[in-house]
PDB file of N, CA and C in Angstrom:
ATOM      1  N   MET A   1       0.746  -1.171   0.276  1.00  0.00           N
ATOM      2  CA  MET A   1      -0.197  -0.207   0.069  1.00  0.00           C
ATOM      3  C   MET A   1       0.501   1.504   0.126  1.00  0.00           C
ATOM      4  N   ASN A   2       0.709   1.951  -1.016  1.00  0.00           N
ATOM      5  CA  ASN A   2       1.395   3.508  -1.213  1.00  0.00           C
ATOM      6  C   ASN A   2       0.761   4.348  -0.104  1.00  0.00           C
ATOM      7  N   ILE A   3       1.818   4.521   0.596  1.00  0.00           N
ATOM      8  CA  ILE A   3       1.412   5.998   1.682  1.00  0.00           C
ATOM      9  C   ILE A   3       0.862   7.073   1.298  1.00  0.00           C
ATOM     10  N   TYR A   4       1.316   7.558  -0.089  1.00  0.00           N
ATOM     11  CA  TYR A   4       0.644   8.949  -0.573  1.00  0.00           C
ATOM     12  C   TYR A   4      -0.068   8.401  -1.920  1.00  0.00           C
ATOM     13  N   SER A   5      -1.307   7.532  -1.586  1.00  0.00           N
ATOM     14  CA  SER A   5      -1.821   7.317  -2.414  1.00  0.00           C
ATOM     15  C   SER A   5      -3.402   8.297  -1.900  1.00  0.00           C
ATOM     16  N   LEU A   6      -3.896   8.802  -3.041  1.00  0.00           N
ATOM     17  CA  LEU A   6      -5.094   9.762  -2.953  1.00  0.00           C
ATOM     18  C   LEU A   6      -5.924   8.547  -1.707  1.00  0.00           C
ATOM     19  N   GLU A   7      -6.331   7.384  -1.899  1.00  0.00           N
ATOM     20  CA  GLU A   7      -7.386   6.570  -0.604  1.00  0.00           C
ATOM     21  C   GLU A   7      -7.353   7.272   0.382  1.00  0.00           C
ATOM     22  N   ASN A   8      -5.767   7.560   1.266  1.00  0.00           N
ATOM     23  CA  ASN A   8      -5.703   7.618   2.431  1.00  0.00           C
ATOM     24  C   ASN A   8      -5.769   8.837   3.325  1.00  0.00           C
ATOM     25  N   ILE A   9      -6.229   9.405   1.880  1.00  0.00           N
ATOM     26  CA  ILE A   9      -6.105  11.117   2.659  1.00  0.00           C
ATOM     27  C   ILE A   9      -7.716  11.187   3.028  1.00  0.00           C
ATOM     28  N   GLN A  10      -7.587  11.653   4.490  1.00  0.00           N
ATOM     29  CA  GLN A  10      -8.802  12.217   4.978  1.00  0.00           C
ATOM     30  C   GLN A  10      -9.728  13.142   4.791  1.00  0.00           C
ATOM     31  N   PRO A  11     -10.898  13.893   4.352  1.00  0.00           N
ATOM     32  CA  PRO A  11     -10.657  14.982   4.039  1.00  0.00           C
ATOM     33  C   PRO A  11     -10.751  15.553   5.691  1.00  0.00           C
ATOM     34  N   THR A  12     -10.296  16.948   5.738  1.00  0.00           N
ATOM     35  CA  THR A  12     -11.001  17.692   7.013  1.00  0.00           C
ATOM     36  C   THR A  12     -11.921  18.302   6.760  1.00  0.00           C
ATOM     37  N   SER A  13     -12.138  19.242   7.893  1.00  0.00           N
ATOM     38  CA  SER A  13     -13.353  19.983   7.740  1.00  0.00           C
ATOM     39  C   SER A  13     -13.569  21.156   7.399  1.00  0.00           C
ATOM     40  N   ALA A  14     -12.222  22.048   6.798  1.00  0.00           N
ATOM     41  CA  ALA A  14     -12.192  22.653   5.881  1.00  0.00           C
ATOM     42  C   ALA A  14     -12.126  22.217   4.420  1.00  0.00           C
ATOM     43  N   GLN A  15     -11.742  20.799   4.135  1.00  0.00           N
ATOM     44  CA  GLN A  15     -11.810  20.303   2.658  1.00  0.00           C
ATOM     45  C   GLN A  15     -13.299  20.079   2.113  1.00  0.00           C
ATOM     46  N   THR A  16     -14.179  19.682   3.164  1.00  0.00           N
ATOM     47  CA  THR A  16     -15.578  19.322   3.088  1.00  0.00           C
ATOM     48  C   THR A  16     -16.277  19.988   2.023  1.00  0.00           C
ATOM     49  N   ILE A  17     -17.191  19.776   0.999  1.00  0.00           N
ATOM     50  CA  ILE A  17     -17.899  20.361   0.105  1.00  0.00           C
ATOM     51  C   ILE A  17     -18.946  21.405   0.642  1.00  0.00           C
ATOM     52  N   GLN A  18     -18.388  22.635   0.568  1.00  0.00           N
ATOM     53  CA  GLN A  18     -19.223  23.719   0.689  1.00  0.00           C
ATOM     54  C   GLN A  18     -20.398  23.882  -0.339  1.00  0.00           C
ATOM     55  N   LYS A  19     -21.323  24.490  -0.080  1.00  0.00           N
ATOM     56  CA  LYS A  19     -22.467  25.186  -0.749  1.00  0.00           C
ATOM     57  C   LYS A  19     -21.611  25.952  -1.813  1.00  0.00           C
ATOM     58  N   LYS A  20     -21.791  26.645  -3.140  1.00  0.00           N
ATOM     59  CA  LYS A  20     -21.587  27.325  -3.852  1.00  0.00           C
ATOM     60  C   LYS A  20     -21.303  28.710  -3.625  1.00  0.00           C
ATOM     61  N   GLN A  21     -20.258  29.410  -3.382  1.00  0.00           N
ATOM     62  CA  GLN A  21     -20.104  30.751  -3.042  1.00  0.00           C
ATOM     63  C   GLN A  21     -20.900  31.296  -4.744  1.00  0.00           C
ATOM     64  N   THR A  22     -21.616  32.650  -4.280  1.00  0.00           N
ATOM     65  CA  THR A  22     -22.202  33.559  -5.325  1.00  0.00           C
ATOM     66  C   THR A  22     -20.749  34.484  -5.682  1.00  0.00           C
ATOM     67  N   VAL A  23     -20.771  34.998  -6.849  1.00  0.00           N
ATOM     68  CA  VAL A  23     -19.402  36.024  -7.294  1.00  0.00           C
ATOM     69  C   VAL A  23     -19.273  37.220  -6.200  1.00  0.00           C
ATOM     70  N   GLY A  24     -20.310  37.427  -5.706  1.00  0.00           N
ATOM     71  CA  GLY A  24     -20.475  38.541  -4.878  1.00  0.00           C
ATOM     72  C   GLY A  24     -19.686  38.190  -3.421  1.00  0.00           C
ATOM     73  N   GLU A  25     -20.376  36.806  -3.066  1.00  0.00           N
ATOM     74  CA  GLU A  25     -19.976  36.038  -1.640  1.00  0.00           C
ATOM     75  C   GLU A  25     -18.352  35.918  -2.037  1.00  0.00           C
ATOM     76  N   ALA A  26     -17.692  35.682  -2.893  1.00  0.00           N
ATOM     77  CA  ALA A  26     -16.200  35.358  -3.017  1.00  0.00           C
ATOM     78  C   ALA A  26     -15.637  36.865  -2.914  1.00  0.00           C
ATOM     79  N   GLN A  27     -16.463  38.001  -3.594  1.00  0.00           N
ATOM     80  CA  GLN A  27     -15.777  39.125  -3.602  1.00  0.00           C
ATOM     81  C   GLN A  27     -15.730  39.778  -1.666  1.00  0.00           C
ATOM     82  N   GLN A  28     -16.858  39.466  -1.598  1.00  0.00           N
ATOM     83  CA  GLN A  28     -17.082  39.996  -0.006  1.00  0.00           C
ATOM     84  C   GLN A  28     -16.070  39.455   0.720  1.00  0.00           C
ATOM     85  N   ALA A  29     -15.881  37.756   0.287  1.00  0.00           N
ATOM     86  CA  ALA A  29     -14.720  36.852   1.589  1.00  0.00           C
ATOM     87  C   ALA A  29     -13.408  37.503   1.189  1.00  0.00           C
ATOM     88  N   PHE A  30     -13.066  37.606  -0.166  1.00  0.00           N
ATOM     89  CA  PHE A  30     -11.918  38.097  -0.620  1.00  0.00           C
ATOM     90  C   PHE A  30     -11.332  39.973   0.412  1.00  0.00           C
ATOM     91  N   ALA A  31     -12.389  40.595   0.509  1.00  0.00           N
ATOM     92  CA  ALA A  31     -12.244  41.954   0.951  1.00  0.00           C
ATOM     93  C   ALA A  31     -12.073  41.558   2.264  1.00  0.00           C
ATOM     94  N   GLN A  32     -13.052  40.773   3.167  1.00  0.00           N
ATOM     95  CA  GLN A  32     -12.390  40.718   4.684  1.00  0.00           C
ATOM     96  C   GLN A  32     -11.423  40.297   4.627  1.00  0.00           C
ATOM     97  N   SER A  33     -10.583  38.925   4.033  1.00  0.00           N
ATOM     98  CA  SER A  33      -9.628  38.463   4.450  1.00  0.00           C
ATOM     99  C   SER A  33      -8.479  39.610   4.130  1.00  0.00           C
ATOM    100  N   LEU A  34      -8.248  39.970   2.898  1.00  0.00           N
ATOM    101  CA  LEU A  34      -7.672  41.607   2.788  1.00  0.00           C
ATOM    102  C   LEU A  34      -7.578  42.204   3.492  1.00  0.00           C
ATOM    103  N   GLN A  35      -8.772  43.147   4.436  1.00  0.00           N
ATOM    104  CA  GLN A  35      -8.755  44.169   5.101  1.00  0.00           C
ATOM    105  C   GLN A  35      -7.999  43.014   6.411  1.00  0.00           C
ATOM    106  N   GLY A  36      -8.325  41.811   7.077  1.00  0.00           N
ATOM    107  CA  GLY A  36      -7.584  41.773   8.044  1.00  0.00           C
ATOM    108  C   GLY A  36      -6.200  41.203   7.827  1.00  0.00           C
ATOM    109  N   ALA A  37      -6.119  41.179   7.149  1.00  0.00           N
ATOM    110  CA  ALA A  37      -4.083  41.468   6.592  1.00  0.00           C
ATOM    111  C   ALA A  37      -3.674  42.565   6.778  1.00  0.00           C
ATOM    112  N   ILE A  38      -4.437  43.695   6.440  1.00  0.00           N
ATOM    113  CA  ILE A  38      -3.935  44.638   6.159  1.00  0.00           C
ATOM    114  C   ILE A  38      -3.701  45.564   7.939  1.00  0.00           C
ATOM    115  N   GLU A  39      -4.983  45.091   8.433  1.00  0.00           N
ATOM    116  CA  GLU A  39      -4.995  45.443  10.083  1.00  0.00           C
ATOM    117  C   GLU A  39      -4.142  44.606  10.936  1.00  0.00           C
ATOM    118  N   ASN A  40      -3.654  43.646  10.470  1.00  0.00           N
ATOM    119  CA  ASN A  40      -3.004  42.682  11.400  1.00  0.00           C
ATOM    120  C   ASN A  40      -1.337  43.564  11.235  1.00  0.00           C
ATOM    121  N   ILE A  41      -1.196  43.703   9.690  1.00  0.00           N
ATOM    122  CA  ILE A  41       0.131  44.528   9.578  1.00  0.00           C
ATOM    123  C   ILE A  41      -0.196  45.948  10.583  1.00  0.00           C
ATOM    124  N   ASN A  42      -0.872  46.702  10.283  1.00  0.00           N
ATOM    125  CA  ASN A  42      -1.321  47.914  11.182  1.00  0.00           C
ATOM    126  C   ASN A  42      -1.102  47.364  12.646  1.00  0.00           C
ATOM    127  N   ASN A  43      -1.530  46.902  12.929  1.00  0.00           N
ATOM    128  CA  ASN A  43      -1.528  46.380  14.778  1.00  0.00           C
ATOM    129  C   ASN A  43       0.149  46.371  15.199  1.00  0.00           C
ATOM    130  N   ALA A  44       0.667  45.174  14.200  1.00  0.00           N
ATOM    131  CA  ALA A  44       1.697  45.030  14.642  1.00  0.00           C
ATOM    132  C   ALA A  44       2.570  46.337  14.404  1.00  0.00           C
ATOM    133  N   GLN A  45       2.828  46.774  13.436  1.00  0.00           N
ATOM    134  CA  GLN A  45       3.332  47.835  13.691  1.00  0.00           C
ATOM    135  C   GLN A  45       3.237  49.356  15.220  1.00  0.00           C
ATOM    136  N   GLN A  46       1.800  49.006  15.091  1.00  0.00           N
ATOM    137  CA  GLN A  46       1.301  49.970  16.135  1.00  0.00           C
ATOM    138  C   GLN A  46       2.133  49.695  17.661  1.00  0.00           C
ATOM    139  N   VAL A  47       1.952  48.318  17.919  1.00  0.00           N
ATOM    140  CA  VAL A  47       2.488  47.475  18.713  1.00  0.00           C
ATOM    141  C   VAL A  47       4.485  47.656  19.136  1.00  0.00           C
ATOM    142  N   SER A  48       4.495  47.743  17.583  1.00  0.00           N
ATOM    143  CA  SER A  48       6.490  48.287  17.820  1.00  0.00           C
ATOM    144  C   SER A  48       6.410  49.762  18.137  1.00  0.00           C
ATOM    145  N   ASP A  49       5.673  50.322  17.471  1.00  0.00           N
ATOM    146  CA  ASP A  49       5.700  51.773  17.962  1.00  0.00           C
ATOM    147  C   ASP A  49       5.845  52.079  19.228  1.00  0.00           C
ATOM    148  N   GLN A  50       5.049  51.380  19.726  1.00  0.00           N
ATOM    149  CA  GLN A  50       4.508  51.678  21.218  1.00  0.00           C
ATOM    150  C   GLN A  50       5.156  51.115  22.309  1.00  0.00           C
ATOM    151  N   LYS A  51       6.299  49.970  22.009  1.00  0.00           N
ATOM    152  CA  LYS A  51       7.486  49.465  22.529  1.00  0.00           C
ATOM    153  C   LYS A  51       8.289  50.273  22.302  1.00  0.00           C
ATOM    154  N   THR A  52       8.735  50.742  20.733  1.00  0.00           N
ATOM    155  CA  THR A  52      10.104  51.463  20.985  1.00  0.00           C
ATOM    156  C   THR A  52       9.951  52.869  21.718  1.00  0.00           C
ATOM    157  N   GLU A  53       8.532  53.405  21.751  1.00  0.00           N
ATOM    158  CA  GLU A  53       8.683  54.951  22.458  1.00  0.00           C
ATOM    159  C   GLU A  53       8.505  54.600  23.960  1.00  0.00           C
ATOM    160  N   ALA A  54       7.937  53.284  24.498  1.00  0.00           N
ATOM    161  CA  ALA A  54       7.928  52.928  25.813  1.00  0.00           C
ATOM    162  C   ALA A  54       9.608  53.602  26.126  1.00  0.00           C
ATOM    163  N   LEU A  55      10.367  52.092  25.291  1.00  0.00           N
ATOM    164  CA  LEU A  55      11.648  52.200  25.773  1.00  0.00           C
ATOM    165  C   LEU A  55      12.561  53.677  25.991  1.00  0.00           C
ATOM    166  N   ALA A  56      12.414  54.301  24.803  1.00  0.00           N
ATOM    167  CA  ALA A  56      12.974  55.696  24.167  1.00  0.00           C
ATOM    168  C   ALA A  56      12.311  56.494  25.712  1.00  0.00           C
ATOM    169  N   LYS A  57      11.461  56.199  26.096  1.00  0.00           N
ATOM    170  CA  LYS A  57      11.003  57.088  27.451  1.00  0.00           C
ATOM    171  C   LYS A  57      11.308  56.453  29.068  1.00  0.00           C
ATOM    172  N   GLY A  58      11.922  55.071  28.846  1.00  0.00           N
ATOM    173  CA  GLY A  58      12.830  54.692  29.793  1.00  0.00           C
ATOM    174  C   GLY A  58      11.725  53.877  30.766  1.00  0.00           C
ATOM    175  N   GLU A  59      10.319  53.828  30.521  1.00  0.00           N
ATOM    176  CA  GLU A  59       9.164  53.591  31.103  1.00  0.00           C
ATOM    177  C   GLU A  59       9.214  51.612  30.991  1.00  0.00           C
ATOM    178  N   ILE A  60      10.155  50.736  30.201  1.00  0.00           N
ATOM    179  CA  ILE A  60      10.330  49.536  30.068  1.00  0.00           C
ATOM    180  C   ILE A  60      12.186  49.481  29.601  1.00  0.00           C
ATOM    181  N   ASP A  61      12.603  48.533  30.028  1.00  0.00           N
ATOM    182  CA  ASP A  61      14.005  48.266  29.815  1.00  0.00           C
ATOM    183  C   ASP A  61      14.473  46.992  29.340  1.00  0.00           C
ATOM    184  N   ASP A  62      13.824  46.274  28.152  1.00  0.00           N
ATOM    185  CA  ASP A  62      13.638  45.006  28.341  1.00  0.00           C
ATOM    186  C   ASP A  62      13.884  45.382  26.735  1.00  0.00           C
ATOM    187  N   LEU A  63      15.266  45.569  26.493  1.00  0.00           N
ATOM    188  CA  LEU A  63      15.659  46.368  24.969  1.00  0.00           C
ATOM    189  C   LEU A  63      15.564  44.733  23.886  1.00  0.00           C
ATOM    190  N   HIS A  64      15.248  43.301  24.713  1.00  0.00           N
ATOM    191  CA  HIS A  64      15.440  41.896  23.483  1.00  0.00           C
ATOM    192  C   HIS A  64      13.862  42.283  22.752  1.00  0.00           C
ATOM    193  N   ASP A  65      12.964  42.289  23.848  1.00  0.00           N
ATOM    194  CA  ASP A  65      11.615  42.177  23.633  1.00  0.00           C
ATOM    195  C   ASP A  65      11.213  43.664  22.746  1.00  0.00           C
ATOM    196  N   VAL A  66      11.782  44.323  22.785  1.00  0.00           N
ATOM    197  CA  VAL A  66      11.729  45.663  22.219  1.00  0.00           C
ATOM    198  C   VAL A  66      12.123  45.140  20.491  1.00  0.00           C
ATOM    199  N   MET A  67      13.261  44.922  20.375  1.00  0.00           N
ATOM    200  CA  MET A  67      13.862  44.632  18.992  1.00  0.00           C
ATOM    201  C   MET A  67      12.996  43.713  18.426  1.00  0.00           C
ATOM    202  N   ILE A  68      12.666  42.420  19.074  1.00  0.00           N
ATOM    203  CA  ILE A  68      11.922  40.980  18.713  1.00  0.00           C
ATOM    204  C   ILE A  68      10.776  41.789  18.347  1.00  0.00           C
ATOM    205  N   THR A  69       9.885  42.439  18.640  1.00  0.00           N
ATOM    206  CA  THR A  69       9.030  43.100  18.481  1.00  0.00           C
ATOM    207  C   THR A  69       8.976  43.957  16.905  1.00  0.00           C
ATOM    208  N   ALA A  70       9.940  44.921  16.832  1.00  0.00           N
ATOM    209  CA  ALA A  70      10.214  45.435  15.458  1.00  0.00           C
ATOM    210  C   ALA A  70      10.245  44.708  14.428  1.00  0.00           C
ATOM    211  N   GLN A  71      11.414  43.724  14.983  1.00  0.00           N
ATOM    212  CA  GLN A  71      11.877  42.632  13.842  1.00  0.00           C
ATOM    213  C   GLN A  71      10.434  41.618  13.173  1.00  0.00           C
ATOM    214  N   LYS A  72       9.809  41.346  14.036  1.00  0.00           N
ATOM    215  CA  LYS A  72       8.256  40.727  13.516  1.00  0.00           C
ATOM    216  C   LYS A  72       7.753  41.706  12.936  1.00  0.00           C
ATOM    217  N   ALA A  73       7.556  43.189  13.231  1.00  0.00           N
ATOM    218  CA  ALA A  73       6.715  43.961  12.328  1.00  0.00           C
ATOM    219  C   ALA A  73       7.148  44.216  10.976  1.00  0.00           C
ATOM    220  N   SER A  74       8.861  44.265  11.003  1.00  0.00           N
ATOM    221  CA  SER A  74       9.153  44.366   9.768  1.00  0.00           C
ATOM    222  C   SER A  74       9.214  43.154   9.016  1.00  0.00           C
ATOM    223  N   ILE A  75       9.097  41.922   9.359  1.00  0.00           N
ATOM    224  CA  ILE A  75       8.723  40.860   8.582  1.00  0.00           C
ATOM    225  C   ILE A  75       7.134  40.825   8.182  1.00  0.00           C
ATOM    226  N   VAL A  76       6.276  41.437   9.346  1.00  0.00           N
ATOM    227  CA  VAL A  76       4.925  41.114   8.750  1.00  0.00           C
ATOM    228  C   VAL A  76       4.778  42.251   6.962  1.00  0.00           C
ATOM    229  N   LEU A  77       5.480  43.363   7.468  1.00  0.00           N
ATOM    230  CA  LEU A  77       5.130  44.413   5.989  1.00  0.00           C
ATOM    231  C   LEU A  77       5.842  44.036   5.489  1.00  0.00           C
ATOM    232  N   GLN A  78       7.187  42.819   5.270  1.00  0.00           N
ATOM    233  CA  GLN A  78       7.890  42.875   4.329  1.00  0.00           C
ATOM    234  C   GLN A  78       6.627  41.687   3.536  1.00  0.00           C
ATOM    235  N   THR A  79       6.343  40.889   4.210  1.00  0.00           N
ATOM    236  CA  THR A  79       5.492  39.751   3.599  1.00  0.00           C
ATOM    237  C   THR A  79       4.107  40.445   3.051  1.00  0.00           C
ATOM    238  N   GLY A  80       3.481  41.285   3.396  1.00  0.00           N
ATOM    239  CA  GLY A  80       2.788  42.172   2.997  1.00  0.00           C
ATOM    240  C   GLY A  80       2.807  42.761   1.593  1.00  0.00           C
ATOM    241  N   VAL A  81       4.088  43.512   1.629  1.00  0.00           N
ATOM    242  CA  VAL A  81       4.589  43.810   0.309  1.00  0.00           C
ATOM    243  C   VAL A  81       4.679  43.308  -1.012  1.00  0.00           C
ATOM    244  N   GLU A  82       5.215  41.766  -0.682  1.00  0.00           N
ATOM    245  CA  GLU A  82       6.059  40.546  -1.372  1.00  0.00           C
ATOM    246  C   GLU A  82       4.184  40.079  -1.779  1.00  0.00           C
ATOM    247  N   VAL A  83       3.294  39.965  -0.950  1.00  0.00           N
ATOM    248  CA  VAL A  83       1.981  39.313  -1.167  1.00  0.00           C
ATOM    249  C   VAL A  83       1.680  40.465  -2.170  1.00  0.00           C
ATOM    250  N   GLN A  84       1.315  41.704  -2.142  1.00  0.00           N
ATOM    251  CA  GLN A  84       0.868  42.854  -2.628  1.00  0.00           C
ATOM    252  C   GLN A  84       1.520  43.199  -4.220  1.00  0.00           C
ATOM    253  N   LYS A  85       2.954  42.345  -4.143  1.00  0.00           N
ATOM    254  CA  LYS A  85       3.189  42.512  -5.716  1.00  0.00           C
ATOM    255  C   LYS A  85       3.343  41.125  -6.424  1.00  0.00           C
ATOM    256  N   LYS A  86       2.881  40.316  -5.671  1.00  0.00           N
ATOM    257  CA  LYS A  86       2.268  39.096  -6.684  1.00  0.00           C
ATOM    258  C   LYS A  86       0.826  39.693  -6.923  1.00  0.00           C
ATOM    259  N   ALA A  87       0.009  39.699  -6.074  1.00  0.00           N
ATOM    260  CA  ALA A  87      -1.151  40.166  -6.883  1.00  0.00           C
ATOM    261  C   ALA A  87      -0.983  40.731  -7.859  1.00  0.00           C
ATOM    262  N   VAL A  88      -0.542  42.212  -7.686  1.00  0.00           N
ATOM    263  CA  VAL A  88      -0.597  43.093  -9.178  1.00  0.00           C
ATOM    264  C   VAL A  88       0.529  42.093 -10.828  1.00  0.00           C
ATOM    265  N   ASP A  89       1.375  41.379 -10.261  1.00  0.00           N
ATOM    266  CA  ASP A  89       1.896  40.611 -11.083  1.00  0.00           C
ATOM    267  C   ASP A  89       0.651  39.602 -11.863  1.00  0.00           C
ATOM    268  N   ALA A  90      -0.151  39.101 -10.573  1.00  0.00           N
ATOM    269  CA  ALA A  90      -1.281  38.190 -11.178  1.00  0.00           C
ATOM    270  C   ALA A  90      -2.475  38.931 -11.847  1.00  0.00           C
ATOM    271  N   TYR A  91      -2.484  39.812 -11.521  1.00  0.00           N
ATOM    272  CA  TYR A  91      -3.190  40.475 -12.177  1.00  0.00           C
ATOM    273  C   TYR A  91      -3.474  40.785 -13.453  1.00  0.00           C
ATOM    274  N   ASN A  92      -2.170  41.498 -13.335  1.00  0.00           N
ATOM    275  CA  ASN A  92      -1.120  42.026 -14.834  1.00  0.00           C
ATOM    276  C   ASN A  92      -1.239  40.737 -15.887  1.00  0.00           C
ATOM    277  N   GLU A  93      -0.922  39.747 -15.556  1.00  0.00           N
ATOM    278  CA  GLU A  93      -0.643  38.580 -16.321  1.00  0.00           C
ATOM    279  C   GLU A  93      -2.300  37.769 -16.866  1.00  0.00           C
ATOM    280  N   ILE A  94      -3.047  38.187 -15.735  1.00  0.00           N
ATOM    281  CA  ILE A  94      -4.755  37.837 -16.200  1.00  0.00           C
ATOM    282  C   ILE A  94      -4.661  39.417 -17.757  1.00  0.00           C
ATOM    283  N   MET A  95      -4.786  39.828 -16.822  1.00  0.00           N
ATOM    284  CA  MET A  95      -4.965  41.138 -18.454  1.00  0.00           C
ATOM    285  C   MET A  95      -4.200  40.960 -19.925  1.00  0.00           C
ATOM    286  N   ARG A  96      -3.169  40.044 -19.661  1.00  0.00           N
ATOM    287  CA  ARG A  96      -2.694  39.819 -20.570  1.00  0.00           C
ATOM    288  C   ARG A  96      -2.896  39.026 -21.583  1.00  0.00           C
ATOM    289  N   MET A  97      -3.764  37.807 -21.381  1.00  0.00           N
ATOM    290  CA  MET A  97      -4.371  36.943 -21.509  1.00  0.00           C
ATOM    291  C   MET A  97      -5.054  37.060 -22.424  1.00  0.00           C
ATOM    292  N   GLN A  98      -4.868  36.251 -23.597  1.00  0.00           N
ATOM    293  CA  GLN A  98      -6.525  36.559 -24.668  1.00  0.00           C
ATOM    294  C   GLN A  98      -7.533  35.043 -24.558  1.00  0.00           C
ATOM    295  N   VAL A  99      -8.448  35.834 -24.416  1.00  0.00           N
ATOM    296  CA  VAL A  99      -9.481  34.986 -24.313  1.00  0.00           C
ATOM    297  C   VAL A  99     -10.142  34.312 -25.724  1.00  0.00           C
TER     298      VAL A  99
END
C-alpha cells in the first residue's frame, strides 16, 4: 500500500464540500480577508511603535523584547508588500491573457 495514495487522505472539515458561493460572496470574503491582513500589519506596526516609544521614555528596559517586536513588525510588513507585488503581477498576467 502506497502511503501517498489519494485513498488514504481523509478530508478535513475545511476540505468538505461547501455550498457554492456567488461572485458577490466570493468578493466579500476576499475583501474581508484582505482587510484582516492589512489590520494585522497595522497592529504589528503600532505595537512596535508603542514599545519603542516606551523604551525611549525609560518606561520599559527590555531591549530584547523591543527588538524582537520591531523585527516581527518588519517581517509582517515585508510579507505584505511581497503578497501585494504577487497580486499585482497575477492581475497583470490575467489582463495579458487572450480569451
